[in-house]
PDB file of N, CA and C in Angstrom:
ATOM      1  N   UNK A   1       0.822  -1.186   0.000  1.00  0.00           N
ATOM      2  CA  UNK A   1       0.000   0.000   0.000  1.00  0.00           C
ATOM      3  C   UNK A   1       0.872   1.257   0.000  1.00  0.00           C
ATOM      4  N   UNK A   2       1.971   1.207   0.749  1.00  0.00           N
ATOM      5  CA  UNK A   2       2.852   2.375   0.803  1.00  0.00           C
ATOM      6  C   UNK A   2       3.413   2.698  -0.571  1.00  0.00           C
ATOM      7  N   UNK A   3       3.883   1.686  -1.282  1.00  0.00           N
ATOM      8  CA  UNK A   3       4.483   1.929  -2.598  1.00  0.00           C
ATOM      9  C   UNK A   3       3.448   2.464  -3.586  1.00  0.00           C
ATOM     10  N   UNK A   4       2.239   1.963  -3.510  1.00  0.00           N
ATOM     11  CA  UNK A   4       1.178   2.469  -4.383  1.00  0.00           C
ATOM     12  C   UNK A   4       0.854   3.922  -4.039  1.00  0.00           C
ATOM     13  N   UNK A   5       0.724   4.226  -2.756  1.00  0.00           N
ATOM     14  CA  UNK A   5       0.453   5.604  -2.329  1.00  0.00           C
ATOM     15  C   UNK A   5       1.593   6.522  -2.763  1.00  0.00           C
ATOM     16  N   UNK A   6       2.823   6.030  -2.635  1.00  0.00           N
ATOM     17  CA  UNK A   6       3.976   6.832  -3.052  1.00  0.00           C
ATOM     18  C   UNK A   6       3.896   7.156  -4.538  1.00  0.00           C
ATOM     19  N   UNK A   7       3.601   6.161  -5.361  1.00  0.00           N
ATOM     20  CA  UNK A   7       3.555   6.391  -6.805  1.00  0.00           C
ATOM     21  C   UNK A   7       2.460   7.374  -7.192  1.00  0.00           C
ATOM     22  N   UNK A   8       1.317   7.286  -6.544  1.00  0.00           N
ATOM     23  CA  UNK A   8       0.239   8.238  -6.835  1.00  0.00           C
ATOM     24  C   UNK A   8       0.696   9.649  -6.494  1.00  0.00           C
ATOM     25  N   UNK A   9       1.295   9.801  -5.326  1.00  0.00           N
ATOM     26  CA  UNK A   9       1.780  11.119  -4.903  1.00  0.00           C
ATOM     27  C   UNK A   9       2.899  11.613  -5.818  1.00  0.00           C
ATOM     28  N   UNK A  10       3.822  10.730  -6.156  1.00  0.00           N
ATOM     29  CA  UNK A  10       4.978  11.113  -6.981  1.00  0.00           C
ATOM     30  C   UNK A  10       4.525  11.598  -8.353  1.00  0.00           C
ATOM     31  N   UNK A  11       3.563  10.930  -8.911  1.00  0.00           N
ATOM     32  CA  UNK A  11       3.069  11.339 -10.231  1.00  0.00           C
ATOM     33  C   UNK A  11       2.354  12.681 -10.167  1.00  0.00           C
ATOM     34  N   UNK A  12       1.902  13.044  -8.978  1.00  0.00           N
ATOM     35  CA  UNK A  12       1.288  14.351  -8.787  1.00  0.00           C
ATOM     36  C   UNK A  12       2.320  15.428  -8.463  1.00  0.00           C
ATOM     37  N   UNK A  13       3.586  15.021  -8.310  1.00  0.00           N
ATOM     38  CA  UNK A  13       4.658  15.971  -8.046  1.00  0.00           C
ATOM     39  C   UNK A  13       4.744  16.466  -6.620  1.00  0.00           C
ATOM     40  N   UNK A  14       4.099  15.743  -5.721  1.00  0.00           N
ATOM     41  CA  UNK A  14       4.142  16.134  -4.312  1.00  0.00           C
ATOM     42  C   UNK A  14       4.161  14.867  -3.467  1.00  0.00           C
ATOM     43  N   UNK A  15       4.480  15.031  -2.195  1.00  0.00           N
ATOM     44  CA  UNK A  15       4.498  13.863  -1.310  1.00  0.00           C
ATOM     45  C   UNK A  15       3.946  14.267   0.042  1.00  0.00           C
ATOM     46  N   UNK A  16       2.890  13.622   0.451  1.00  0.00           N
ATOM     47  CA  UNK A  16       2.321  13.840   1.774  1.00  0.00           C
ATOM     48  C   UNK A  16       3.370  13.406   2.797  1.00  0.00           C
ATOM     49  N   UNK A  17       3.693  14.234   3.779  1.00  0.00           N
ATOM     50  CA  UNK A  17       4.711  13.882   4.783  1.00  0.00           C
ATOM     51  C   UNK A  17       4.417  12.583   5.517  1.00  0.00           C
ATOM     52  N   UNK A  18       3.156  12.198   5.599  1.00  0.00           N
ATOM     53  CA  UNK A  18       2.825  10.949   6.298  1.00  0.00           C
ATOM     54  C   UNK A  18       3.387   9.732   5.556  1.00  0.00           C
ATOM     55  N   UNK A  19       3.598   9.839   4.256  1.00  0.00           N
ATOM     56  CA  UNK A  19       4.162   8.722   3.502  1.00  0.00           C
ATOM     57  C   UNK A  19       5.618   8.506   3.897  1.00  0.00           C
ATOM     58  N   UNK A  20       6.368   9.582   4.072  1.00  0.00           N
ATOM     59  CA  UNK A  20       7.759   9.456   4.525  1.00  0.00           C
ATOM     60  C   UNK A  20       7.824   8.881   5.936  1.00  0.00           C
ATOM     61  N   UNK A  21       6.905   9.302   6.786  1.00  0.00           N
ATOM     62  CA  UNK A  21       6.852   8.774   8.153  1.00  0.00           C
ATOM     63  C   UNK A  21       6.533   7.282   8.139  1.00  0.00           C
ATOM     64  N   UNK A  22       5.589   6.904   7.289  1.00  0.00           N
ATOM     65  CA  UNK A  22       5.193   5.504   7.152  1.00  0.00           C
ATOM     66  C   UNK A  22       6.378   4.686   6.638  1.00  0.00           C
ATOM     67  N   UNK A  23       7.105   5.219   5.678  1.00  0.00           N
ATOM     68  CA  UNK A  23       8.274   4.529   5.139  1.00  0.00           C
ATOM     69  C   UNK A  23       9.330   4.330   6.224  1.00  0.00           C
ATOM     70  N   UNK A  24       9.507   5.315   7.093  1.00  0.00           N
ATOM     71  CA  UNK A  24      10.472   5.201   8.185  1.00  0.00           C
ATOM     72  C   UNK A  24      10.087   4.071   9.132  1.00  0.00           C
ATOM     73  N   UNK A  25       8.801   3.981   9.460  1.00  0.00           N
ATOM     74  CA  UNK A  25       8.326   2.906  10.329  1.00  0.00           C
ATOM     75  C   UNK A  25       8.537   1.539   9.680  1.00  0.00           C
ATOM     76  N   UNK A  26       8.191   1.436   8.402  1.00  0.00           N
ATOM     77  CA  UNK A  26       8.363   0.159   7.700  1.00  0.00           C
ATOM     78  C   UNK A  26       9.835  -0.193   7.512  1.00  0.00           C
ATOM     79  N   UNK A  27      10.669   0.812   7.392  1.00  0.00           N
ATOM     80  CA  UNK A  27      12.107   0.580   7.264  1.00  0.00           C
ATOM     81  C   UNK A  27      12.639  -0.093   8.523  1.00  0.00           C
ATOM     82  N   UNK A  28      12.215   0.371   9.664  1.00  0.00           N
ATOM     83  CA  UNK A  28      12.624  -0.244  10.932  1.00  0.00           C
ATOM     84  C   UNK A  28      12.178  -1.698  10.988  1.00  0.00           C
ATOM     85  N   UNK A  29      10.927  -1.945  10.628  1.00  0.00           N
ATOM     86  CA  UNK A  29      10.407  -3.314  10.637  1.00  0.00           C
ATOM     87  C   UNK A  29      11.146  -4.204   9.632  1.00  0.00           C
ATOM     88  N   UNK A  30      11.473  -3.657   8.486  1.00  0.00           N
ATOM     89  CA  UNK A  30      12.188  -4.419   7.461  1.00  0.00           C
ATOM     90  C   UNK A  30      13.577  -4.799   7.956  1.00  0.00           C
ATOM     91  N   UNK A  31      14.252  -3.869   8.606  1.00  0.00           N
ATOM     92  CA  UNK A  31      15.590  -4.155   9.143  1.00  0.00           C
ATOM     93  C   UNK A  31      15.534  -5.217  10.232  1.00  0.00           C
ATOM     94  N   UNK A  32      14.485  -5.182  11.042  1.00  0.00           N
ATOM     95  CA  UNK A  32      14.325  -6.221  12.059  1.00  0.00           C
ATOM     96  C   UNK A  32      14.102  -7.585  11.401  1.00  0.00           C
ATOM     97  N   UNK A  33      13.316  -7.617  10.342  1.00  0.00           N
ATOM     98  CA  UNK A  33      13.089  -8.875   9.627  1.00  0.00           C
ATOM     99  C   UNK A  33      14.391  -9.404   9.016  1.00  0.00           C
ATOM    100  N   UNK A  34      15.217  -8.512   8.494  1.00  0.00           N
ATOM    101  CA  UNK A  34      16.494  -8.929   7.914  1.00  0.00           C
ATOM    102  C   UNK A  34      17.390  -9.593   8.962  1.00  0.00           C
ATOM    103  N   UNK A  35      17.291  -9.121  10.202  1.00  0.00           N
ATOM    104  CA  UNK A  35      18.114  -9.670  11.274  1.00  0.00           C
ATOM    105  C   UNK A  35      17.476 -10.866  11.965  1.00  0.00           C
ATOM    106  N   UNK A  36      16.269 -11.208  11.579  1.00  0.00           N
ATOM    107  CA  UNK A  36      15.561 -12.338  12.184  1.00  0.00           C
ATOM    108  C   UNK A  36      15.840 -13.609  11.379  1.00  0.00           C
ATOM    109  N   UNK A  37      15.356 -14.740  11.845  1.00  0.00           N
ATOM    110  CA  UNK A  37      15.508 -15.979  11.073  1.00  0.00           C
ATOM    111  C   UNK A  37      14.919 -15.887   9.662  1.00  0.00           C
ATOM    112  N   UNK A  38      13.950 -15.014   9.453  1.00  0.00           N
ATOM    113  CA  UNK A  38      13.374 -14.839   8.117  1.00  0.00           C
ATOM    114  C   UNK A  38      14.444 -14.390   7.129  1.00  0.00           C
ATOM    115  N   UNK A  39      15.436 -13.642   7.598  1.00  0.00           N
ATOM    116  CA  UNK A  39      16.509 -13.157   6.743  1.00  0.00           C
ATOM    117  C   UNK A  39      17.452 -14.251   6.275  1.00  0.00           C
ATOM    118  N   UNK A  40      17.310 -15.449   6.821  1.00  0.00           N
ATOM    119  CA  UNK A  40      18.163 -16.567   6.404  1.00  0.00           C
ATOM    120  C   UNK A  40      17.746 -17.136   5.048  1.00  0.00           C
ATOM    121  N   UNK A  41      16.494 -16.917   4.664  1.00  0.00           N
ATOM    122  CA  UNK A  41      15.998 -17.372   3.366  1.00  0.00           C
ATOM    123  C   UNK A  41      16.521 -16.413   2.294  1.00  0.00           C
ATOM    124  N   UNK A  42      17.295 -16.919   1.340  1.00  0.00           N
ATOM    125  CA  UNK A  42      17.953 -16.082   0.337  1.00  0.00           C
ATOM    126  C   UNK A  42      16.972 -15.250  -0.485  1.00  0.00           C
ATOM    127  N   UNK A  43      15.884 -15.854  -0.943  1.00  0.00           N
ATOM    128  CA  UNK A  43      14.910 -15.103  -1.757  1.00  0.00           C
ATOM    129  C   UNK A  43      14.247 -13.999  -0.943  1.00  0.00           C
ATOM    130  N   UNK A  44      13.859 -14.325   0.290  1.00  0.00           N
ATOM    131  CA  UNK A  44      13.220 -13.339   1.147  1.00  0.00           C
ATOM    132  C   UNK A  44      14.203 -12.236   1.522  1.00  0.00           C
ATOM    133  N   UNK A  45      15.444 -12.596   1.796  1.00  0.00           N
ATOM    134  CA  UNK A  45      16.468 -11.611   2.142  1.00  0.00           C
ATOM    135  C   UNK A  45      16.689 -10.632   0.984  1.00  0.00           C
ATOM    136  N   UNK A  46      16.745 -11.163  -0.236  1.00  0.00           N
ATOM    137  CA  UNK A  46      16.930 -10.315  -1.418  1.00  0.00           C
ATOM    138  C   UNK A  46      15.767  -9.337  -1.562  1.00  0.00           C
ATOM    139  N   UNK A  47      14.550  -9.817  -1.386  1.00  0.00           N
ATOM    140  CA  UNK A  47      13.370  -8.964  -1.465  1.00  0.00           C
ATOM    141  C   UNK A  47      13.399  -7.898  -0.364  1.00  0.00           C
ATOM    142  N   UNK A  48      13.730  -8.306   0.853  1.00  0.00           N
ATOM    143  CA  UNK A  48      13.776  -7.355   1.964  1.00  0.00           C
ATOM    144  C   UNK A  48      14.867  -6.298   1.762  1.00  0.00           C
ATOM    145  N   UNK A  49      15.988  -6.689   1.187  1.00  0.00           N
ATOM    146  CA  UNK A  49      17.053  -5.724   0.931  1.00  0.00           C
ATOM    147  C   UNK A  49      16.629  -4.708  -0.128  1.00  0.00           C
ATOM    148  N   UNK A  50      15.937  -5.165  -1.142  1.00  0.00           N
ATOM    149  CA  UNK A  50      15.436  -4.247  -2.168  1.00  0.00           C
ATOM    150  C   UNK A  50      14.413  -3.297  -1.558  1.00  0.00           C
ATOM    151  N   UNK A  51      13.528  -3.842  -0.747  1.00  0.00           N
ATOM    152  CA  UNK A  51      12.525  -3.025  -0.078  1.00  0.00           C
ATOM    153  C   UNK A  51      13.188  -2.024   0.875  1.00  0.00           C
ATOM    154  N   UNK A  52      14.209  -2.465   1.569  1.00  0.00           N
ATOM    155  CA  UNK A  52      14.934  -1.588   2.496  1.00  0.00           C
ATOM    156  C   UNK A  52      15.483  -0.360   1.766  1.00  0.00           C
ATOM    157  N   UNK A  53      16.072  -0.573   0.611  1.00  0.00           N
ATOM    158  CA  UNK A  53      16.632   0.530  -0.167  1.00  0.00           C
ATOM    159  C   UNK A  53      15.537   1.515  -0.595  1.00  0.00           C
ATOM    160  N   UNK A  54      14.440   0.998  -1.105  1.00  0.00           N
ATOM    161  CA  UNK A  54      13.340   1.854  -1.551  1.00  0.00           C
ATOM    162  C   UNK A  54      12.758   2.634  -0.371  1.00  0.00           C
ATOM    163  N   UNK A  55      12.541   1.963   0.749  1.00  0.00           N
ATOM    164  CA  UNK A  55      11.986   2.634   1.923  1.00  0.00           C
ATOM    165  C   UNK A  55      12.918   3.719   2.447  1.00  0.00           C
ATOM    166  N   UNK A  56      14.215   3.454   2.448  1.00  0.00           N
ATOM    167  CA  UNK A  56      15.183   4.460   2.905  1.00  0.00           C
ATOM    168  C   UNK A  56      15.137   5.690   2.006  1.00  0.00           C
ATOM    169  N   UNK A  57      15.002   5.484   0.715  1.00  0.00           N
ATOM    170  CA  UNK A  57      14.939   6.607  -0.218  1.00  0.00           C
ATOM    171  C   UNK A  57      13.652   7.411  -0.015  1.00  0.00           C
ATOM    172  N   UNK A  58      12.542   6.740   0.177  1.00  0.00           N
ATOM    173  CA  UNK A  58      11.273   7.437   0.404  1.00  0.00           C
ATOM    174  C   UNK A  58      11.303   8.178   1.737  1.00  0.00           C
ATOM    175  N   UNK A  59      11.875   7.563   2.751  1.00  0.00           N
ATOM    176  CA  UNK A  59      11.911   8.170   4.083  1.00  0.00           C
ATOM    177  C   UNK A  59      12.708   9.464   4.112  1.00  0.00           C
ATOM    178  N   UNK A  60      13.682   9.612   3.232  1.00  0.00           N
ATOM    179  CA  UNK A  60      14.528  10.808   3.265  1.00  0.00           C
ATOM    180  C   UNK A  60      14.080  11.899   2.291  1.00  0.00           C
ATOM    181  N   UNK A  61      13.019  11.702   1.562  1.00  0.00           N
ATOM    182  CA  UNK A  61      12.587  12.677   0.561  1.00  0.00           C
ATOM    183  C   UNK A  61      12.367  14.090   1.117  1.00  0.00           C
ATOM    184  N   UNK A  62      11.748  14.285   2.275  1.00  0.00           N
ATOM    185  CA  UNK A  62      11.563  15.667   2.729  1.00  0.00           C
ATOM    186  C   UNK A  62      12.875  16.432   2.883  1.00  0.00           C
ATOM    187  N   UNK A  63      13.976  15.730   3.103  1.00  0.00           N
ATOM    188  CA  UNK A  63      15.273  16.383   3.264  1.00  0.00           C
ATOM    189  C   UNK A  63      15.993  16.576   1.927  1.00  0.00           C
ATOM    190  N   UNK A  64      15.431  16.049   0.860  1.00  0.00           N
ATOM    191  CA  UNK A  64      16.089  16.141  -0.447  1.00  0.00           C
ATOM    192  C   UNK A  64      16.099  17.584  -0.947  1.00  0.00           C
ATOM    193  N   UNK A  65      17.161  17.930  -1.676  1.00  0.00           N
ATOM    194  CA  UNK A  65      17.305  19.294  -2.192  1.00  0.00           C
ATOM    195  C   UNK A  65      16.232  19.628  -3.228  1.00  0.00           C
ATOM    196  N   UNK A  66      15.895  18.679  -4.085  1.00  0.00           N
ATOM    197  CA  UNK A  66      14.880  18.917  -5.107  1.00  0.00           C
ATOM    198  C   UNK A  66      13.865  17.776  -5.072  1.00  0.00           C
ATOM    199  N   UNK A  67      12.848  17.877  -4.202  1.00  0.00           N
ATOM    200  CA  UNK A  67      11.888  16.795  -4.026  1.00  0.00           C
ATOM    201  C   UNK A  67      11.208  16.329  -5.306  1.00  0.00           C
ATOM    202  N   UNK A  68      10.866  17.228  -6.219  1.00  0.00           N
ATOM    203  CA  UNK A  68      10.170  16.808  -7.442  1.00  0.00           C
ATOM    204  C   UNK A  68      11.047  15.883  -8.276  1.00  0.00           C
ATOM    205  N   UNK A  69      12.318  16.220  -8.416  1.00  0.00           N
ATOM    206  CA  UNK A  69      13.237  15.354  -9.169  1.00  0.00           C
ATOM    207  C   UNK A  69      13.428  14.026  -8.456  1.00  0.00           C
ATOM    208  N   UNK A  70      13.529  14.056  -7.135  1.00  0.00           N
ATOM    209  CA  UNK A  70      13.699  12.833  -6.347  1.00  0.00           C
ATOM    210  C   UNK A  70      12.474  11.933  -6.484  1.00  0.00           C
ATOM    211  N   UNK A  71      11.289  12.517  -6.435  1.00  0.00           N
ATOM    212  CA  UNK A  71      10.061  11.740  -6.599  1.00  0.00           C
ATOM    213  C   UNK A  71      10.020  11.064  -7.961  1.00  0.00           C
ATOM    214  N   UNK A  72      10.365  11.804  -9.003  1.00  0.00           N
ATOM    215  CA  UNK A  72      10.364  11.256 -10.352  1.00  0.00           C
ATOM    216  C   UNK A  72      11.389  10.135 -10.489  1.00  0.00           C
ATOM    217  N   UNK A  73      12.582  10.338  -9.947  1.00  0.00           N
ATOM    218  CA  UNK A  73      13.639   9.328 -10.033  1.00  0.00           C
ATOM    219  C   UNK A  73      13.228   8.041  -9.323  1.00  0.00           C
ATOM    220  N   UNK A  74      12.657   8.170  -8.135  1.00  0.00           N
ATOM    221  CA  UNK A  74      12.226   6.983  -7.397  1.00  0.00           C
ATOM    222  C   UNK A  74      11.068   6.279  -8.082  1.00  0.00           C
ATOM    223  N   UNK A  75      10.157   7.034  -8.648  1.00  0.00           N
ATOM    224  CA  UNK A  75       9.032   6.422  -9.365  1.00  0.00           C
ATOM    225  C   UNK A  75       9.547   5.601 -10.545  1.00  0.00           C
ATOM    226  N   UNK A  76      10.497   6.162 -11.295  1.00  0.00           N
ATOM    227  CA  UNK A  76      11.080   5.422 -12.428  1.00  0.00           C
ATOM    228  C   UNK A  76      11.811   4.173 -11.939  1.00  0.00           C
ATOM    229  N   UNK A  77      12.547   4.283 -10.839  1.00  0.00           N
ATOM    230  CA  UNK A  77      13.290   3.135 -10.309  1.00  0.00           C
ATOM    231  C   UNK A  77      12.348   2.020  -9.880  1.00  0.00           C
ATOM    232  N   UNK A  78      11.241   2.359  -9.247  1.00  0.00           N
ATOM    233  CA  UNK A  78      10.265   1.341  -8.856  1.00  0.00           C
ATOM    234  C   UNK A  78       9.744   0.595 -10.076  1.00  0.00           C
ATOM    235  N   UNK A  79       9.489   1.330 -11.134  1.00  0.00           N
ATOM    236  CA  UNK A  79       8.977   0.698 -12.359  1.00  0.00           C
ATOM    237  C   UNK A  79      10.052  -0.167 -13.023  1.00  0.00           C
ATOM    238  N   UNK A  80      11.268   0.356 -13.144  1.00  0.00           N
ATOM    239  CA  UNK A  80      12.342  -0.359 -13.821  1.00  0.00           C
ATOM    240  C   UNK A  80      12.750  -1.621 -13.073  1.00  0.00           C
ATOM    241  N   UNK A  81      12.736  -1.581 -11.747  1.00  0.00           N
ATOM    242  CA  UNK A  81      13.134  -2.742 -10.959  1.00  0.00           C
ATOM    243  C   UNK A  81      11.994  -3.727 -10.817  1.00  0.00           C
ATOM    244  N   UNK A  82      10.838  -3.357 -11.363  1.00  0.00           N
ATOM    245  CA  UNK A  82       9.628  -4.197 -11.271  1.00  0.00           C
ATOM    246  C   UNK A  82       9.231  -4.434  -9.827  1.00  0.00           C
ATOM    247  N   UNK A  83       9.616  -3.499  -8.948  1.00  0.00           N
ATOM    248  CA  UNK A  83       9.171  -3.592  -7.556  1.00  0.00           C
ATOM    249  C   UNK A  83       7.673  -3.398  -7.523  1.00  0.00           C
ATOM    250  N   UNK A  84       7.216  -2.528  -8.378  1.00  0.00           N
ATOM    251  CA  UNK A  84       5.789  -2.255  -8.474  1.00  0.00           C
ATOM    252  C   UNK A  84       5.475  -2.086  -9.953  1.00  0.00           C
ATOM    253  N   UNK A  85       4.660  -2.938 -10.488  1.00  0.00           N
ATOM    254  CA  UNK A  85       4.338  -2.863 -11.919  1.00  0.00           C
ATOM    255  C   UNK A  85       3.079  -2.091 -12.168  1.00  0.00           C
TER     256      UNK A  85
END
């Protein structure tokens, strides 16, 4: 749901601050999962690492120098990596 909400906002050229906050919360949970026994599964670990990177990028958007460019870049990356089709 977060990634879908992010893409809708990004295509509108703006980002609701609650999305960055949500990404920060999910980033913490993702890192905990990586350190848990779930992280021992190679496929799951790879997925969690990809998600971790995307969440970290979304979480830092309010601090970015040019948010509109950052939103566009992340939206393209999500599509290219097939994280969200």
